[in-house]
C-alpha cells in the first residue's frame, strides 16, 4: 500500500513533467503557429502589394503598347505619305519634262507657221501685185487695141481701132473648141479664107497666130481704098512702136498653170512696195514713150503653156470675166512673144 503510494508519488512528478513539457511544447507550437500566421499575413500583404504593383505595371505596359502602336501607325502613315509625295514629285517632274518638250515643239511649230505665214503673205502680196499688173495690161489692150474677150457659146474676140475713120467700129469673131477641134462660129464682118485659117489652126494649134492673122485680115478688109489699105498694113507696126505693158512671167504662170521651166524669165528682185508704187507710172510711160515691145523674149515652151491656158479658157466658156485676163497673153504675143 505504501509502495503504491510511493509509486504514485514518483509517477506524478514524471507525469507533471510530461504534462509541463507537453504544455511548453504546445505553447511553443502555438507561438510558432502564431509567428507563421503573422508571417503569412505579412506575405499576403506583400502579395496584395505586389499584385497591385503588377496591375499598375500591366496598365503602364498597356498604355506604353498603345502609345507605341499609335507611334507605329503614325510612322507608317508618314512613310506612306513620303512615298506618295516622292511618286507625285516624280510624276510632276515627268509632266514638267513633257510640257517643256511640248512647249519646244509648239514653239518650233509656231515658228514654222510664222515663216509659212510670212511666205504666204509675201506670195499673196506678189499675187496681188501681179494681178494689178495683169489688170493694168488688160486695161491697156482694151484701151489701145480695143481688144475684148467674152465667153458664152464659144469665145468671142472683139477688136476696135481697126478702121481709122471709125475707131469705135467693132470687128469680132467667135471661136469654139470641142473634142480637140476648133471651129469658127461667126465672123463680123465676114472674111475670105477663114476655112483655110481654121484648117491651119487645127493643124498647128497656134491660137496666137490665128488671132493675130484675123486682126490683120480685119485691117486689110477695111473699105478705105488704097490709102486705107496702106494705113491698115502699117497700123500694126504703129502699135509695135508703142510699148505695151510687159507681163512678168510669174504673172503668166499665175493665169496659166503648168510645169516650171528653168529657161523662163523670172520676175526681177526688188522692193515690192517700190514696184507697186511705180506700176501705174511704168504702164503710162509704156504707151507714151517709144520702145519695142518685141524686145521682151519668151521661150517657146512658155508660149505653148500660155496657149494651153487659152485653150482651157475656150473649153470653159463660163469663165466670164476671167476670159479677158486669160487672153491678155494672146494679144501680148501679138507684140512681144517671139522665139527665144
Protein backbone atom coordinates (compact mmCIF):
# COMPACT_ATOMS: atom_id res chain seq x y z
CA UNK A 1 0.00 0.00 0.00
CA UNK A 2 2.75 2.34 0.92
CA UNK A 3 4.54 1.09 -2.10
CA UNK A 4 1.65 2.04 -4.27
CA UNK A 5 1.58 5.47 -2.72
CA UNK A 6 5.24 5.90 -3.23
CA UNK A 7 4.92 4.78 -6.83
CA UNK A 8 2.16 7.22 -7.38
CA UNK A 9 4.27 9.95 -5.81
CA UNK A 10 7.07 9.10 -8.12
CA UNK A 11 4.89 8.89 -11.23
CA UNK A 12 3.04 12.11 -10.55
CA UNK A 13 6.12 14.29 -10.91
CA UNK A 14 7.02 12.46 -14.06
CA UNK A 15 3.58 12.93 -15.45
CA UNK A 16 3.65 16.52 -14.29
CA UNK A 17 6.95 16.96 -16.15
CA UNK A 18 5.49 15.28 -19.12
CA UNK A 19 2.45 17.50 -18.95
CA UNK A 20 4.63 20.55 -18.45
CA UNK A 21 6.79 19.55 -21.36
CA UNK A 22 3.68 18.95 -23.47
CA UNK A 23 2.28 22.29 -22.38
CA UNK A 24 5.57 24.00 -23.13
CA UNK A 25 5.72 22.25 -26.46
CA UNK A 26 2.15 23.21 -27.21
CA UNK A 27 2.83 26.78 -26.23
CA UNK A 28 5.89 26.75 -28.39
CA UNK A 29 3.88 25.26 -31.22
CA UNK A 30 1.18 27.88 -30.77
CA UNK A 31 3.82 30.56 -30.76
CA UNK A 32 5.34 29.10 -33.84
CA UNK A 33 1.91 28.92 -35.44
CA UNK A 34 1.25 32.48 -34.39
CA UNK A 35 4.54 33.61 -35.88
CA UNK A 36 3.77 31.65 -39.01
CA UNK A 37 0.32 33.18 -39.16
CA UNK A 38 1.76 36.63 -38.71
CA UNK A 39 4.40 35.95 -41.36
CA UNK A 40 1.71 34.58 -43.63
CA UNK A 41 -0.33 37.70 -43.06
CA UNK A 42 2.69 39.80 -43.91
CA UNK A 43 3.26 37.72 -47.02
CA UNK A 44 -0.34 38.18 -48.01
CA UNK A 45 0.03 41.91 -47.61
CA UNK A 46 3.15 41.81 -49.69
CA UNK A 47 1.34 39.67 -52.23
CA UNK A 48 -1.51 42.20 -52.39
CA UNK A 49 1.00 44.97 -52.76
CA UNK A 50 2.84 43.02 -55.45
CA UNK A 51 -0.43 42.33 -57.22
CA UNK A 52 -1.31 45.99 -57.08
CA UNK A 53 2.14 46.87 -58.37
CA UNK A 54 1.75 44.24 -61.07
CA UNK A 55 -1.64 45.63 -62.10
CA UNK A 56 -0.13 49.10 -62.25
CA UNK A 57 2.75 47.73 -64.32
CA UNK A 58 0.32 45.97 -66.60
CA UNK A 59 -1.65 49.21 -67.01
CA UNK A 60 1.56 51.06 -67.79
CA UNK A 61 2.52 48.34 -70.25
CA UNK A 62 -0.86 48.59 -71.97
CA UNK A 63 -0.52 52.35 -72.16
CA UNK A 64 3.03 52.02 -73.46
CA UNK A 65 1.88 49.49 -76.05
CA UNK A 66 -0.95 51.83 -77.08
CA UNK A 67 1.49 54.73 -77.43
CA UNK A 68 3.87 52.51 -79.38
CA UNK A 69 1.05 51.36 -81.62
CA UNK A 70 -0.04 54.93 -82.29
CA UNK A 71 3.53 55.96 -82.99
CA UNK A 72 4.00 52.99 -85.30
CA UNK A 73 0.77 53.89 -87.08
CA UNK A 74 1.98 57.47 -87.43
CA UNK A 75 5.35 56.25 -88.70
CA UNK A 76 3.65 54.02 -91.26
CA UNK A 77 1.38 56.87 -92.30
CA UNK A 78 4.38 59.20 -92.65
CA UNK A 79 6.22 56.54 -94.64
CA UNK A 80 3.25 56.16 -96.98
CA UNK A 81 2.91 59.92 -97.27
CA UNK A 82 6.62 60.27 -98.09
CA UNK A 83 6.38 57.51 -100.70
CA UNK A 84 3.27 59.13 -102.18
CA UNK A 85 4.98 62.53 -102.20
CA UNK A 86 8.03 61.06 -103.92
CA UNK A 87 5.81 59.39 -106.52
CA UNK A 88 3.96 62.68 -107.02
CA UNK A 89 7.26 64.54 -107.36
CA UNK A 90 8.44 62.05 -109.98
CA UNK A 91 5.11 62.34 -111.80
CA UNK A 92 5.28 66.12 -111.72
CA UNK A 93 8.90 66.00 -112.92
CA UNK A 94 7.87 63.79 -115.84
CA UNK A 95 4.91 66.06 -116.58
CA UNK A 96 7.14 69.15 -116.49
CA UNK A 97 9.58 67.47 -118.86
CA UNK A 98 6.75 66.52 -121.23
CA UNK A 99 5.31 70.04 -121.04
CA UNK A 100 8.72 71.53 -121.78
CA UNK A 101 9.11 69.18 -124.74
CA UNK A 102 5.63 70.09 -126.00
CA UNK A 103 6.39 73.76 -125.43
CA UNK A 104 9.52 73.43 -127.55
CA UNK A 105 7.55 71.56 -130.20
CA UNK A 106 4.81 74.19 -130.14
CA UNK A 107 7.42 76.94 -130.33
CA UNK A 108 9.04 75.25 -133.31
CA UNK A 109 5.60 74.72 -134.90
CA UNK A 110 4.65 78.35 -134.28
CA UNK A 111 7.97 79.45 -135.77
CA UNK A 112 7.35 77.28 -138.83
CA UNK A 113 3.82 78.58 -139.15
CA UNK A 114 5.08 82.13 -138.74
CA UNK A 115 7.61 81.57 -141.51
CA UNK A 116 4.95 79.92 -143.65
CA UNK A 117 2.59 82.80 -142.90
CA UNK A 118 5.28 85.31 -143.83
CA UNK A 119 5.94 83.42 -147.06
CA UNK A 120 2.20 83.22 -147.75
CA UNK A 121 1.83 86.94 -147.10
CA UNK A 122 4.75 87.59 -149.42
CA UNK A 123 3.23 85.36 -152.11
CA UNK A 124 -0.16 86.99 -151.55
CA UNK A 125 1.34 90.45 -151.93
CA UNK A 126 3.19 89.28 -155.03
CA UNK A 127 -0.01 87.72 -156.38
CA UNK A 128 -1.94 90.93 -155.74
CA UNK A 129 0.82 92.89 -157.40
CA UNK A 130 0.85 90.52 -160.37
CA UNK A 131 -2.94 90.72 -160.59
CA UNK A 132 -2.70 94.51 -160.61
CA UNK A 133 -0.11 94.31 -163.37
CA UNK A 134 -2.29 91.92 -165.37
CA UNK A 135 -5.34 94.12 -164.89
CA UNK A 136 -3.34 97.15 -165.98
CA UNK A 137 -2.14 95.22 -169.04
CA UNK A 138 -5.68 94.10 -169.82
CA UNK A 139 -6.87 97.68 -169.47
CA UNK A 140 -4.10 98.81 -171.79
CA UNK A 141 -5.09 96.33 -174.50
CA UNK A 142 -8.77 97.19 -174.08
CA UNK A 143 -7.95 100.88 -174.36
CA UNK A 144 -5.29 100.92 -177.09
CA UNK A 145 -6.21 97.91 -179.22
CA UNK A 146 -9.89 97.83 -178.30
CA UNK A 147 -9.44 94.12 -177.53
CA UNK A 148 -12.23 92.37 -175.62
CA UNK A 149 -12.96 88.70 -174.95
CA UNK A 150 -16.35 87.40 -173.91
CA UNK A 151 -17.39 83.88 -173.01
CA UNK A 152 -20.60 82.21 -174.00
CA UNK A 153 -21.19 79.66 -176.72
CA UNK A 154 -17.53 79.67 -177.61
CA UNK A 155 -15.24 82.64 -177.09
CA UNK A 156 -15.95 85.94 -178.81
CA UNK A 157 -12.95 88.12 -179.75
CA UNK A 158 -13.79 91.77 -180.37
CA UNK A 159 -11.43 94.43 -181.79
CA UNK A 160 -11.72 98.17 -182.16
CA UNK A 161 -9.27 100.69 -183.52
CA UNK A 162 -9.27 98.84 -186.84
CA UNK A 163 -10.93 101.45 -189.01
CA UNK A 164 -9.04 104.73 -188.68
CA UNK A 165 -12.13 106.60 -189.87
CA UNK A 166 -14.27 104.97 -187.21
CA UNK A 167 -12.08 103.67 -184.32
CA UNK A 168 -15.13 102.61 -182.30
CA UNK A 169 -16.37 100.25 -185.02
CA UNK A 170 -16.28 96.69 -183.72
CA UNK A 171 -14.83 93.71 -185.58
CA UNK A 172 -15.37 90.33 -184.00
CA UNK A 173 -15.25 86.59 -184.47
CA UNK A 174 -16.26 83.65 -182.27
CA UNK A 175 -14.15 80.52 -181.89
CA UNK A 176 -15.45 77.26 -180.45
CA UNK A 177 -13.31 74.34 -179.37
CA UNK A 178 -14.64 70.85 -178.75
CA UNK A 179 -13.09 67.39 -178.91
CA UNK A 180 -9.75 68.84 -179.91
CA UNK A 181 -11.14 70.71 -182.92
CA UNK A 182 -11.52 74.45 -183.46
CA UNK A 183 -14.46 75.89 -185.36
CA UNK A 184 -15.37 79.44 -186.34
CA UNK A 185 -18.96 80.12 -185.28
CA UNK A 186 -19.24 83.70 -186.54
CA UNK A 187 -17.20 86.49 -188.09
CA UNK A 188 -18.40 90.07 -188.38
CA UNK A 189 -17.67 91.38 -190.90
CA UNK A 190 -17.21 88.18 -192.85
CA UNK A 191 -13.75 87.43 -194.23
CA UNK A 192 -12.47 85.25 -197.02
CA UNK A 193 -10.15 82.31 -196.50
CA UNK A 194 -11.39 81.70 -192.92
CA UNK A 195 -11.76 77.98 -193.67
CA UNK A 196 -8.10 77.79 -194.58
CA UNK A 197 -7.22 79.65 -191.37
CA UNK A 198 -9.34 77.28 -189.24
CA UNK A 199 -7.74 74.31 -191.01
CA UNK A 200 -4.30 75.77 -190.30
CA UNK A 201 -5.30 76.38 -186.67
CA UNK A 202 -6.41 72.79 -186.20
CA UNK A 203 -3.20 71.66 -187.84
CA UNK A 204 -0.75 73.82 -185.89
CA UNK A 205 -2.83 74.56 -182.76
CA UNK A 206 -1.30 78.05 -182.86
CA UNK A 207 -4.10 80.18 -181.43
CA UNK A 208 -1.77 83.18 -181.08
CA UNK A 209 -1.07 83.28 -184.77
CA UNK A 210 -4.75 82.77 -185.64
CA UNK A 211 -5.87 85.76 -183.55
CA UNK A 212 -3.11 87.97 -184.98
CA UNK A 213 -3.91 86.95 -188.57
CA UNK A 214 -7.65 87.57 -188.03
CA UNK A 215 -6.93 91.07 -186.73
CA UNK A 216 -4.63 91.74 -189.64
CA UNK A 217 -7.30 90.49 -192.07
CA UNK A 218 -9.83 92.84 -190.42
CA UNK A 219 -7.37 95.69 -191.01
CA UNK A 220 -6.90 94.70 -194.64
CA UNK A 221 -10.66 94.38 -195.16
CA UNK A 222 -11.38 97.96 -194.10
CA UNK A 223 -13.09 99.60 -197.15
CA UNK A 224 -10.86 102.71 -197.28
CA UNK A 225 -9.27 102.42 -200.71
CA UNK A 226 -5.54 102.17 -201.32
CA UNK A 227 -4.73 104.73 -198.63
CA UNK A 228 -6.86 102.85 -196.11
CA UNK A 229 -5.15 99.62 -197.07
CA UNK A 230 -1.73 101.22 -196.62
CA UNK A 231 -2.80 102.58 -193.26
CA UNK A 232 -4.10 99.15 -192.26
CA UNK A 233 -0.87 97.45 -193.29
CA UNK A 234 1.25 99.78 -191.18
CA UNK A 235 -1.11 100.08 -188.21
CA UNK A 236 0.41 97.02 -186.58
CA UNK A 237 3.90 98.49 -186.74
CA UNK A 238 2.48 101.68 -185.25
CA UNK A 239 1.15 99.69 -182.33
CA UNK A 240 4.51 97.96 -182.03
CA UNK A 241 6.21 101.33 -181.66
CA UNK A 242 4.11 101.96 -178.54
CA UNK A 243 5.48 99.63 -175.94
CA UNK A 244 2.77 97.53 -174.30
CA UNK A 245 2.86 96.79 -170.57
CA UNK A 246 5.17 93.84 -170.09
CA UNK A 247 3.61 90.94 -168.25
CA UNK A 248 6.03 89.29 -165.87
CA UNK A 249 6.50 85.57 -166.35
CA UNK A 250 5.23 84.96 -162.82
CA UNK A 251 2.01 86.74 -163.78
CA UNK A 252 1.58 84.45 -166.76
CA UNK A 253 2.24 81.44 -164.54
CA UNK A 254 -0.48 82.55 -162.15
CA UNK A 255 -3.02 82.71 -165.02
CA UNK A 256 -1.88 79.60 -166.92
CA UNK A 257 -0.70 76.83 -164.56
CA UNK A 258 1.89 74.42 -165.83
CA UNK A 259 5.27 72.89 -165.13
CA UNK A 260 8.13 75.15 -164.25
CA UNK A 261 10.89 75.90 -166.76
CA UNK A 262 14.35 76.89 -165.84
CA UNK A 263 14.56 78.97 -169.05
CA UNK A 264 11.56 81.11 -168.16
CA UNK A 265 12.18 84.75 -167.42
CA UNK A 266 11.82 85.22 -163.67
CA UNK A 267 10.49 88.43 -162.14
CA UNK A 268 13.24 90.80 -161.16
CA UNK A 269 14.00 91.01 -157.47
CA UNK A 270 13.30 94.29 -155.82
CA UNK A 271 11.32 96.06 -153.25
CA UNK A 272 7.66 95.08 -153.60
CA UNK A 273 6.48 98.41 -152.32
CA UNK A 274 8.67 100.20 -154.86
CA UNK A 275 7.29 98.04 -157.68
CA UNK A 276 3.71 98.58 -156.58
CA UNK A 277 4.26 102.34 -156.35
CA UNK A 278 5.64 102.54 -159.89
CA UNK A 279 3.33 100.15 -161.76
CA UNK A 280 1.00 102.85 -162.98
CA UNK A 281 3.90 105.15 -163.90
CA UNK A 282 5.56 102.36 -165.89
CA UNK A 283 2.35 101.46 -167.71
CA UNK A 284 1.63 105.07 -168.53
CA UNK A 285 5.12 105.70 -169.83
CA UNK A 286 4.90 102.47 -171.84
CA UNK A 287 2.19 103.98 -174.02
CA UNK A 288 3.73 107.44 -174.31
CA UNK A 289 7.40 106.56 -174.77
CA UNK A 290 8.92 104.69 -177.73
CA UNK A 291 10.32 101.23 -177.21
CA UNK A 292 9.97 97.89 -178.92
CA UNK A 293 7.75 95.50 -177.03
CA UNK A 294 9.20 92.72 -179.13
CA UNK A 295 12.40 93.11 -177.10
CA UNK A 296 10.74 91.00 -174.41
CA UNK A 297 11.50 87.40 -175.32
CA UNK A 298 9.61 84.41 -174.03
CA UNK A 299 10.60 80.78 -174.53
CA UNK A 300 8.59 78.58 -176.95
CA UNK A 301 7.73 76.31 -174.01
CA UNK A 302 6.16 79.26 -172.16
CA UNK A 303 4.29 80.20 -175.32
CA UNK A 304 2.88 76.66 -175.57
CA UNK A 305 1.86 76.76 -171.89
CA UNK A 306 0.06 80.10 -172.36
CA UNK A 307 -1.71 78.70 -175.39
CA UNK A 308 -2.76 75.67 -173.35
CA UNK A 309 -4.24 78.06 -170.79
CA UNK A 310 -6.11 79.87 -173.55
CA UNK A 311 -7.31 76.51 -174.85
CA UNK A 312 -8.70 75.69 -171.39
CA UNK A 313 -10.49 79.05 -171.49
CA UNK A 314 -12.02 78.10 -174.83
CA UNK A 315 -13.18 74.77 -173.40
CA UNK A 316 -14.70 76.51 -170.34
CA UNK A 317 -16.74 79.43 -171.74
CA UNK A 318 -18.47 80.01 -168.37
CA UNK A 319 -15.35 81.71 -167.00
CA UNK A 320 -16.98 85.05 -167.76
CA UNK A 321 -14.87 87.97 -166.53
CA UNK A 322 -11.75 85.79 -166.22
CA UNK A 323 -11.53 85.37 -170.01
CA UNK A 324 -10.03 88.80 -170.80
CA UNK A 325 -7.29 88.10 -168.25
CA UNK A 326 -6.55 84.75 -169.91
CA UNK A 327 -6.35 86.19 -173.42
CA UNK A 328 -4.24 89.20 -172.50
CA UNK A 329 -1.31 86.86 -173.17
CA UNK A 330 -2.62 86.26 -176.69
CA UNK A 331 -2.58 89.92 -177.60
CA UNK A 332 0.61 90.28 -175.65
CA UNK A 333 2.01 87.70 -178.01
CA UNK A 334 0.92 89.98 -180.85
CA UNK A 335 3.56 92.47 -179.81
CA UNK A 336 6.07 90.74 -177.57
CA UNK A 337 6.18 86.95 -177.94
CA UNK A 338 8.96 85.67 -180.14
CA UNK A 339 11.08 82.51 -180.08
CA UNK A 340 13.92 82.76 -177.62
